[in-house]
């Protein structure tokens, strides 16, 4: 079995577990930057982590055959036929 699918599956599982932030539900302190509640700051950081994870997944496991599209032919007037 290849190592890359195992590592990517583990990455998705870790990010999924990190999304369950039940420890921040009932408290607003400490305030991050003096105004941002800890739960909201955690969700903002989680969103960045999730976006990076999706970029890694698209870059590494996106099917290459979906990108191999032949260009459409155009006639002299520029209309597609």
PDB file of N, CA and C in Angstrom:
ATOM      1  N   UNK A   1       0.837  -1.177   0.000  1.00  0.00           N
ATOM      2  CA  UNK A   1       0.000   0.000   0.000  1.00  0.00           C
ATOM      3  C   UNK A   1       0.885   1.245   0.000  1.00  0.00           C
ATOM      4  N   UNK A   2       0.459   2.262  -0.739  1.00  0.00           N
ATOM      5  CA  UNK A   2       1.270   3.464  -0.862  1.00  0.00           C
ATOM      6  C   UNK A   2       1.124   4.347   0.369  1.00  0.00           C
ATOM      7  N   UNK A   3       2.157   5.118   0.640  1.00  0.00           N
ATOM      8  CA  UNK A   3       2.189   5.975   1.818  1.00  0.00           C
ATOM      9  C   UNK A   3       1.389   7.259   1.622  1.00  0.00           C
ATOM     10  N   UNK A   4       1.347   7.800   0.398  1.00  0.00           N
ATOM     11  CA  UNK A   4       0.672   9.071   0.152  1.00  0.00           C
ATOM     12  C   UNK A   4      -0.818   9.023   0.488  1.00  0.00           C
ATOM     13  N   UNK A   5      -1.582   8.013   0.049  1.00  0.00           N
ATOM     14  CA  UNK A   5      -3.002   7.992   0.430  1.00  0.00           C
ATOM     15  C   UNK A   5      -3.217   7.879   1.937  1.00  0.00           C
ATOM     16  N   UNK A   6      -2.334   7.158   2.609  1.00  0.00           N
ATOM     17  CA  UNK A   6      -2.465   7.016   4.063  1.00  0.00           C
ATOM     18  C   UNK A   6      -2.228   8.367   4.740  1.00  0.00           C
ATOM     19  N   UNK A   7      -1.193   9.082   4.306  1.00  0.00           N
ATOM     20  CA  UNK A   7      -0.894  10.387   4.898  1.00  0.00           C
ATOM     21  C   UNK A   7      -1.993  11.406   4.621  1.00  0.00           C
ATOM     22  N   UNK A   8      -2.528  11.403   3.404  1.00  0.00           N
ATOM     23  CA  UNK A   8      -3.598  12.345   3.076  1.00  0.00           C
ATOM     24  C   UNK A   8      -4.878  12.023   3.844  1.00  0.00           C
ATOM     25  N   UNK A   9      -5.170  10.753   4.016  1.00  0.00           N
ATOM     26  CA  UNK A   9      -6.332  10.357   4.817  1.00  0.00           C
ATOM     27  C   UNK A   9      -6.142  10.768   6.269  1.00  0.00           C
ATOM     28  N   UNK A  10      -4.940  10.600   6.787  1.00  0.00           N
ATOM     29  CA  UNK A  10      -4.651  11.026   8.156  1.00  0.00           C
ATOM     30  C   UNK A  10      -4.777  12.542   8.284  1.00  0.00           C
ATOM     31  N   UNK A  11      -4.332  13.295   7.271  1.00  0.00           N
ATOM     32  CA  UNK A  11      -4.471  14.747   7.290  1.00  0.00           C
ATOM     33  C   UNK A  11      -5.934  15.159   7.357  1.00  0.00           C
ATOM     34  N   UNK A  12      -6.779  14.543   6.546  1.00  0.00           N
ATOM     35  CA  UNK A  12      -8.215  14.853   6.565  1.00  0.00           C
ATOM     36  C   UNK A  12      -8.807  14.495   7.927  1.00  0.00           C
ATOM     37  N   UNK A  13      -8.420  13.364   8.488  1.00  0.00           N
ATOM     38  CA  UNK A  13      -8.944  12.956   9.793  1.00  0.00           C
ATOM     39  C   UNK A  13      -8.516  13.926  10.889  1.00  0.00           C
ATOM     40  N   UNK A  14      -7.278  14.378  10.853  1.00  0.00           N
ATOM     41  CA  UNK A  14      -6.797  15.325  11.874  1.00  0.00           C
ATOM     42  C   UNK A  14      -7.538  16.653  11.761  1.00  0.00           C
ATOM     43  N   UNK A  15      -7.719  17.148  10.554  1.00  0.00           N
ATOM     44  CA  UNK A  15      -8.440  18.406  10.374  1.00  0.00           C
ATOM     45  C   UNK A  15      -9.895  18.248  10.800  1.00  0.00           C
ATOM     46  N   UNK A  16     -10.484  17.100  10.536  1.00  0.00           N
ATOM     47  CA  UNK A  16     -11.858  16.840  10.973  1.00  0.00           C
ATOM     48  C   UNK A  16     -11.952  16.847  12.502  1.00  0.00           C
ATOM     49  N   UNK A  17     -11.030  16.202  13.166  1.00  0.00           N
ATOM     50  CA  UNK A  17     -11.046  16.162  14.630  1.00  0.00           C
ATOM     51  C   UNK A  17     -10.815  17.557  15.202  1.00  0.00           C
ATOM     52  N   UNK A  18      -9.935  18.331  14.585  1.00  0.00           N
ATOM     53  CA  UNK A  18      -9.690  19.691  15.063  1.00  0.00           C
ATOM     54  C   UNK A  18     -10.914  20.590  14.934  1.00  0.00           C
ATOM     55  N   UNK A  19     -11.812  20.255  14.024  1.00  0.00           N
ATOM     56  CA  UNK A  19     -13.011  21.081  13.857  1.00  0.00           C
ATOM     57  C   UNK A  19     -13.966  20.950  15.043  1.00  0.00           C
ATOM     58  N   UNK A  20     -13.893  19.879  15.768  1.00  0.00           N
ATOM     59  CA  UNK A  20     -14.757  19.662  16.932  1.00  0.00           C
ATOM     60  C   UNK A  20     -14.156  20.380  18.132  1.00  0.00           C
ATOM     61  N   UNK A  21     -14.385  21.668  18.228  1.00  0.00           N
ATOM     62  CA  UNK A  21     -13.752  22.487  19.268  1.00  0.00           C
ATOM     63  C   UNK A  21     -14.703  22.737  20.441  1.00  0.00           C
ATOM     64  N   UNK A  22     -15.141  21.709  21.080  1.00  0.00           N
ATOM     65  CA  UNK A  22     -16.113  21.848  22.170  1.00  0.00           C
ATOM     66  C   UNK A  22     -15.537  22.556  23.387  1.00  0.00           C
ATOM     67  N   UNK A  23     -14.216  22.672  23.504  1.00  0.00           N
ATOM     68  CA  UNK A  23     -13.617  23.319  24.659  1.00  0.00           C
ATOM     69  C   UNK A  23     -13.739  24.840  24.615  1.00  0.00           C
ATOM     70  N   UNK A  24     -14.110  25.413  23.484  1.00  0.00           N
ATOM     71  CA  UNK A  24     -14.228  26.874  23.372  1.00  0.00           C
ATOM     72  C   UNK A  24     -15.672  27.368  23.378  1.00  0.00           C
ATOM     73  N   UNK A  25     -16.628  26.536  23.635  1.00  0.00           N
ATOM     74  CA  UNK A  25     -18.020  26.925  23.490  1.00  0.00           C
ATOM     75  C   UNK A  25     -18.515  27.849  24.597  1.00  0.00           C
ATOM     76  N   UNK A  26     -18.070  27.671  25.805  1.00  0.00           N
ATOM     77  CA  UNK A  26     -18.659  28.393  26.930  1.00  0.00           C
ATOM     78  C   UNK A  26     -17.771  29.497  27.494  1.00  0.00           C
ATOM     79  N   UNK A  27     -16.735  29.875  26.793  1.00  0.00           N
ATOM     80  CA  UNK A  27     -15.896  30.943  27.318  1.00  0.00           C
ATOM     81  C   UNK A  27     -15.480  31.894  26.200  1.00  0.00           C
ATOM     82  N   UNK A  28     -15.367  33.148  26.564  1.00  0.00           N
ATOM     83  CA  UNK A  28     -14.952  34.167  25.596  1.00  0.00           C
ATOM     84  C   UNK A  28     -13.543  34.654  25.882  1.00  0.00           C
ATOM     85  N   UNK A  29     -13.026  34.355  27.045  1.00  0.00           N
ATOM     86  CA  UNK A  29     -11.683  34.805  27.410  1.00  0.00           C
ATOM     87  C   UNK A  29     -10.680  33.711  27.113  1.00  0.00           C
ATOM     88  N   UNK A  30      -9.495  33.979  26.762  1.00  0.00           N
ATOM     89  CA  UNK A  30      -8.915  35.299  26.563  1.00  0.00           C
ATOM     90  C   UNK A  30      -9.312  35.877  25.210  1.00  0.00           C
ATOM     91  N   UNK A  31      -9.299  37.187  25.114  1.00  0.00           N
ATOM     92  CA  UNK A  31      -9.568  37.857  23.854  1.00  0.00           C
ATOM     93  C   UNK A  31      -8.262  37.947  23.055  1.00  0.00           C
ATOM     94  N   UNK A  32      -8.327  37.533  21.809  1.00  0.00           N
ATOM     95  CA  UNK A  32      -7.173  37.600  20.927  1.00  0.00           C
ATOM     96  C   UNK A  32      -7.126  39.007  20.328  1.00  0.00           C
ATOM     97  N   UNK A  33      -5.974  39.628  20.339  1.00  0.00           N
ATOM     98  CA  UNK A  33      -5.789  41.011  19.876  1.00  0.00           C
ATOM     99  C   UNK A  33      -6.656  41.998  20.656  1.00  0.00           C
ATOM    100  N   UNK A  34      -7.139  41.604  21.812  1.00  0.00           N
ATOM    101  CA  UNK A  34      -7.912  42.486  22.664  1.00  0.00           C
ATOM    102  C   UNK A  34      -9.393  42.591  22.330  1.00  0.00           C
ATOM    103  N   UNK A  35      -9.857  41.985  21.233  1.00  0.00           N
ATOM    104  CA  UNK A  35     -11.265  42.118  20.853  1.00  0.00           C
ATOM    105  C   UNK A  35     -11.878  40.843  20.289  1.00  0.00           C
ATOM    106  N   UNK A  36     -11.093  39.874  19.895  1.00  0.00           N
ATOM    107  CA  UNK A  36     -11.599  38.686  19.204  1.00  0.00           C
ATOM    108  C   UNK A  36     -11.729  37.517  20.180  1.00  0.00           C
ATOM    109  N   UNK A  37     -12.954  37.017  20.388  1.00  0.00           N
ATOM    110  CA  UNK A  37     -13.125  35.876  21.291  1.00  0.00           C
ATOM    111  C   UNK A  37     -12.336  34.657  20.805  1.00  0.00           C
ATOM    112  N   UNK A  38     -11.903  33.843  21.749  1.00  0.00           N
ATOM    113  CA  UNK A  38     -11.035  32.701  21.433  1.00  0.00           C
ATOM    114  C   UNK A  38     -11.703  31.731  20.458  1.00  0.00           C
ATOM    115  N   UNK A  39     -13.014  31.512  20.602  1.00  0.00           N
ATOM    116  CA  UNK A  39     -13.712  30.588  19.702  1.00  0.00           C
ATOM    117  C   UNK A  39     -13.729  31.077  18.263  1.00  0.00           C
ATOM    118  N   UNK A  40     -13.934  32.379  18.094  1.00  0.00           N
ATOM    119  CA  UNK A  40     -13.950  32.951  16.748  1.00  0.00           C
ATOM    120  C   UNK A  40     -12.551  32.937  16.134  1.00  0.00           C
ATOM    121  N   UNK A  41     -11.548  33.224  16.947  1.00  0.00           N
ATOM    122  CA  UNK A  41     -10.165  33.162  16.459  1.00  0.00           C
ATOM    123  C   UNK A  41      -9.803  31.734  16.061  1.00  0.00           C
ATOM    124  N   UNK A  42     -10.266  30.761  16.844  1.00  0.00           N
ATOM    125  CA  UNK A  42      -9.996  29.360  16.517  1.00  0.00           C
ATOM    126  C   UNK A  42     -10.644  28.997  15.183  1.00  0.00           C
ATOM    127  N   UNK A  43     -11.876  29.432  14.959  1.00  0.00           N
ATOM    128  CA  UNK A  43     -12.556  29.115  13.709  1.00  0.00           C
ATOM    129  C   UNK A  43     -11.881  29.781  12.519  1.00  0.00           C
ATOM    130  N   UNK A  44     -11.376  30.996  12.711  1.00  0.00           N
ATOM    131  CA  UNK A  44     -10.642  31.677  11.632  1.00  0.00           C
ATOM    132  C   UNK A  44      -9.364  30.906  11.291  1.00  0.00           C
ATOM    133  N   UNK A  45      -8.644  30.480  12.304  1.00  0.00           N
ATOM    134  CA  UNK A  45      -7.422  29.701  12.068  1.00  0.00           C
ATOM    135  C   UNK A  45      -7.765  28.352  11.436  1.00  0.00           C
ATOM    136  N   UNK A  46      -8.852  27.747  11.894  1.00  0.00           N
ATOM    137  CA  UNK A  46      -9.270  26.464  11.320  1.00  0.00           C
ATOM    138  C   UNK A  46      -9.612  26.626   9.830  1.00  0.00           C
ATOM    139  N   UNK A  47     -10.247  27.720   9.466  1.00  0.00           N
ATOM    140  CA  UNK A  47     -10.593  27.956   8.059  1.00  0.00           C
ATOM    141  C   UNK A  47      -9.351  28.032   7.190  1.00  0.00           C
ATOM    142  N   UNK A  48      -8.304  28.669   7.693  1.00  0.00           N
ATOM    143  CA  UNK A  48      -7.045  28.744   6.946  1.00  0.00           C
ATOM    144  C   UNK A  48      -6.440  27.353   6.801  1.00  0.00           C
ATOM    145  N   UNK A  49      -6.449  26.579   7.876  1.00  0.00           N
ATOM    146  CA  UNK A  49      -5.908  25.215   7.835  1.00  0.00           C
ATOM    147  C   UNK A  49      -6.700  24.350   6.856  1.00  0.00           C
ATOM    148  N   UNK A  50      -8.026  24.478   6.863  1.00  0.00           N
ATOM    149  CA  UNK A  50      -8.860  23.694   5.948  1.00  0.00           C
ATOM    150  C   UNK A  50      -8.602  24.090   4.492  1.00  0.00           C
ATOM    151  N   UNK A  51      -8.406  25.377   4.232  1.00  0.00           N
ATOM    152  CA  UNK A  51      -8.110  25.825   2.868  1.00  0.00           C
ATOM    153  C   UNK A  51      -6.760  25.291   2.392  1.00  0.00           C
ATOM    154  N   UNK A  52      -5.771  25.297   3.267  1.00  0.00           N
ATOM    155  CA  UNK A  52      -4.457  24.748   2.909  1.00  0.00           C
ATOM    156  C   UNK A  52      -4.571  23.245   2.644  1.00  0.00           C
ATOM    157  N   UNK A  53      -5.349  22.550   3.481  1.00  0.00           N
ATOM    158  CA  UNK A  53      -5.542  21.114   3.279  1.00  0.00           C
ATOM    159  C   UNK A  53      -6.193  20.841   1.919  1.00  0.00           C
ATOM    160  N   UNK A  54      -7.210  21.616   1.558  1.00  0.00           N
ATOM    161  CA  UNK A  54      -7.862  21.416   0.265  1.00  0.00           C
ATOM    162  C   UNK A  54      -6.907  21.701  -0.891  1.00  0.00           C
ATOM    163  N   UNK A  55      -6.054  22.717  -0.752  1.00  0.00           N
ATOM    164  CA  UNK A  55      -5.067  23.007  -1.795  1.00  0.00           C
ATOM    165  C   UNK A  55      -4.095  21.840  -1.950  1.00  0.00           C
ATOM    166  N   UNK A  56      -3.679  21.261  -0.834  1.00  0.00           N
ATOM    167  CA  UNK A  56      -2.780  20.098  -0.884  1.00  0.00           C
ATOM    168  C   UNK A  56      -3.483  18.923  -1.556  1.00  0.00           C
ATOM    169  N   UNK A  57      -4.736  18.689  -1.210  1.00  0.00           N
ATOM    170  CA  UNK A  57      -5.476  17.581  -1.813  1.00  0.00           C
ATOM    171  C   UNK A  57      -5.654  17.777  -3.314  1.00  0.00           C
ATOM    172  N   UNK A  58      -6.010  18.979  -3.729  1.00  0.00           N
ATOM    173  CA  UNK A  58      -6.199  19.247  -5.163  1.00  0.00           C
ATOM    174  C   UNK A  58      -4.882  19.089  -5.905  1.00  0.00           C
ATOM    175  N   UNK A  59      -3.810  19.579  -5.336  1.00  0.00           N
ATOM    176  CA  UNK A  59      -2.511  19.514  -6.005  1.00  0.00           C
ATOM    177  C   UNK A  59      -1.989  18.083  -6.112  1.00  0.00           C
ATOM    178  N   UNK A  60      -2.288  17.238  -5.125  1.00  0.00           N
ATOM    179  CA  UNK A  60      -1.682  15.909  -5.105  1.00  0.00           C
ATOM    180  C   UNK A  60      -2.563  14.803  -5.665  1.00  0.00           C
ATOM    181  N   UNK A  61      -3.867  14.874  -5.504  1.00  0.00           N
ATOM    182  CA  UNK A  61      -4.706  13.741  -5.914  1.00  0.00           C
ATOM    183  C   UNK A  61      -5.784  14.096  -6.937  1.00  0.00           C
ATOM    184  N   UNK A  62      -5.745  15.308  -7.491  1.00  0.00           N
ATOM    185  CA  UNK A  62      -6.722  15.678  -8.515  1.00  0.00           C
ATOM    186  C   UNK A  62      -6.480  14.825  -9.747  1.00  0.00           C
ATOM    187  N   UNK A  63      -7.527  14.234 -10.343  1.00  0.00           N
ATOM    188  CA  UNK A  63      -7.341  13.393 -11.533  1.00  0.00           C
ATOM    189  C   UNK A  63      -6.824  14.206 -12.728  1.00  0.00           C
ATOM    190  N   UNK A  64      -5.689  13.811 -13.271  1.00  0.00           N
ATOM    191  CA  UNK A  64      -5.060  14.550 -14.371  1.00  0.00           C
ATOM    192  C   UNK A  64      -5.873  14.477 -15.661  1.00  0.00           C
ATOM    193  N   UNK A  65      -6.618  13.398 -15.855  1.00  0.00           N
ATOM    194  CA  UNK A  65      -7.361  13.263 -17.104  1.00  0.00           C
ATOM    195  C   UNK A  65      -8.478  14.295 -17.225  1.00  0.00           C
ATOM    196  N   UNK A  66      -8.911  14.883 -16.129  1.00  0.00           N
ATOM    197  CA  UNK A  66      -9.938  15.921 -16.194  1.00  0.00           C
ATOM    198  C   UNK A  66      -9.389  17.226 -16.761  1.00  0.00           C
ATOM    199  N   UNK A  67      -8.089  17.413 -16.704  1.00  0.00           N
ATOM    200  CA  UNK A  67      -7.472  18.629 -17.212  1.00  0.00           C
ATOM    201  C   UNK A  67      -7.048  18.508 -18.666  1.00  0.00           C
ATOM    202  N   UNK A  68      -7.018  17.315 -19.220  1.00  0.00           N
ATOM    203  CA  UNK A  68      -6.598  17.110 -20.598  1.00  0.00           C
ATOM    204  C   UNK A  68      -7.782  17.300 -21.543  1.00  0.00           C
ATOM    205  N   UNK A  69      -8.030  18.549 -21.877  1.00  0.00           N
ATOM    206  CA  UNK A  69      -9.158  18.883 -22.747  1.00  0.00           C
ATOM    207  C   UNK A  69      -8.589  19.505 -24.014  1.00  0.00           C
ATOM    208  N   UNK A  70      -9.062  19.044 -25.148  1.00  0.00           N
ATOM    209  CA  UNK A  70      -8.609  19.604 -26.410  1.00  0.00           C
ATOM    210  C   UNK A  70      -9.264  20.964 -26.622  1.00  0.00           C
ATOM    211  N   UNK A  71      -8.529  21.935 -27.166  1.00  0.00           N
ATOM    212  CA  UNK A  71      -9.138  23.251 -27.426  1.00  0.00           C
ATOM    213  C   UNK A  71     -10.188  23.151 -28.523  1.00  0.00           C
ATOM    214  N   UNK A  72     -11.210  23.997 -28.382  1.00  0.00           N
ATOM    215  CA  UNK A  72     -12.261  23.995 -29.394  1.00  0.00           C
ATOM    216  C   UNK A  72     -11.769  24.712 -30.647  1.00  0.00           C
ATOM    217  N   UNK A  73     -12.205  24.229 -31.819  1.00  0.00           N
ATOM    218  CA  UNK A  73     -11.838  24.862 -33.092  1.00  0.00           C
ATOM    219  C   UNK A  73     -12.782  26.025 -33.362  1.00  0.00           C
ATOM    220  N   UNK A  74     -12.214  27.091 -33.905  1.00  0.00           N
ATOM    221  CA  UNK A  74     -13.025  28.253 -34.277  1.00  0.00           C
ATOM    222  C   UNK A  74     -12.905  28.485 -35.769  1.00  0.00           C
ATOM    223  N   UNK A  75     -13.997  28.943 -36.372  1.00  0.00           N
ATOM    224  CA  UNK A  75     -13.921  29.267 -37.785  1.00  0.00           C
ATOM    225  C   UNK A  75     -13.416  30.714 -37.945  1.00  0.00           C
ATOM    226  N   UNK A  76     -13.382  31.239 -39.129  1.00  0.00           N
ATOM    227  CA  UNK A  76     -12.791  32.550 -39.388  1.00  0.00           C
ATOM    228  C   UNK A  76     -13.503  33.685 -38.671  1.00  0.00           C
ATOM    229  N   UNK A  77     -14.815  33.609 -38.517  1.00  0.00           N
ATOM    230  CA  UNK A  77     -15.567  34.686 -37.886  1.00  0.00           C
ATOM    231  C   UNK A  77     -15.453  34.639 -36.353  1.00  0.00           C
ATOM    232  N   UNK A  78     -14.882  33.606 -35.813  1.00  0.00           N
ATOM    233  CA  UNK A  78     -14.748  33.496 -34.371  1.00  0.00           C
ATOM    234  C   UNK A  78     -15.906  32.774 -33.716  1.00  0.00           C
ATOM    235  N   UNK A  79     -16.876  32.344 -34.511  1.00  0.00           N
ATOM    236  CA  UNK A  79     -18.004  31.603 -33.944  1.00  0.00           C
ATOM    237  C   UNK A  79     -17.584  30.166 -33.700  1.00  0.00           C
ATOM    238  N   UNK A  80     -18.136  29.596 -32.665  1.00  0.00           N
ATOM    239  CA  UNK A  80     -17.850  28.191 -32.375  1.00  0.00           C
ATOM    240  C   UNK A  80     -18.848  27.328 -33.120  1.00  0.00           C
ATOM    241  N   UNK A  81     -18.364  26.256 -33.678  1.00  0.00           N
ATOM    242  CA  UNK A  81     -19.261  25.320 -34.374  1.00  0.00           C
ATOM    243  C   UNK A  81     -19.002  23.926 -33.903  1.00  0.00           C
TER     244      UNK A  81
END
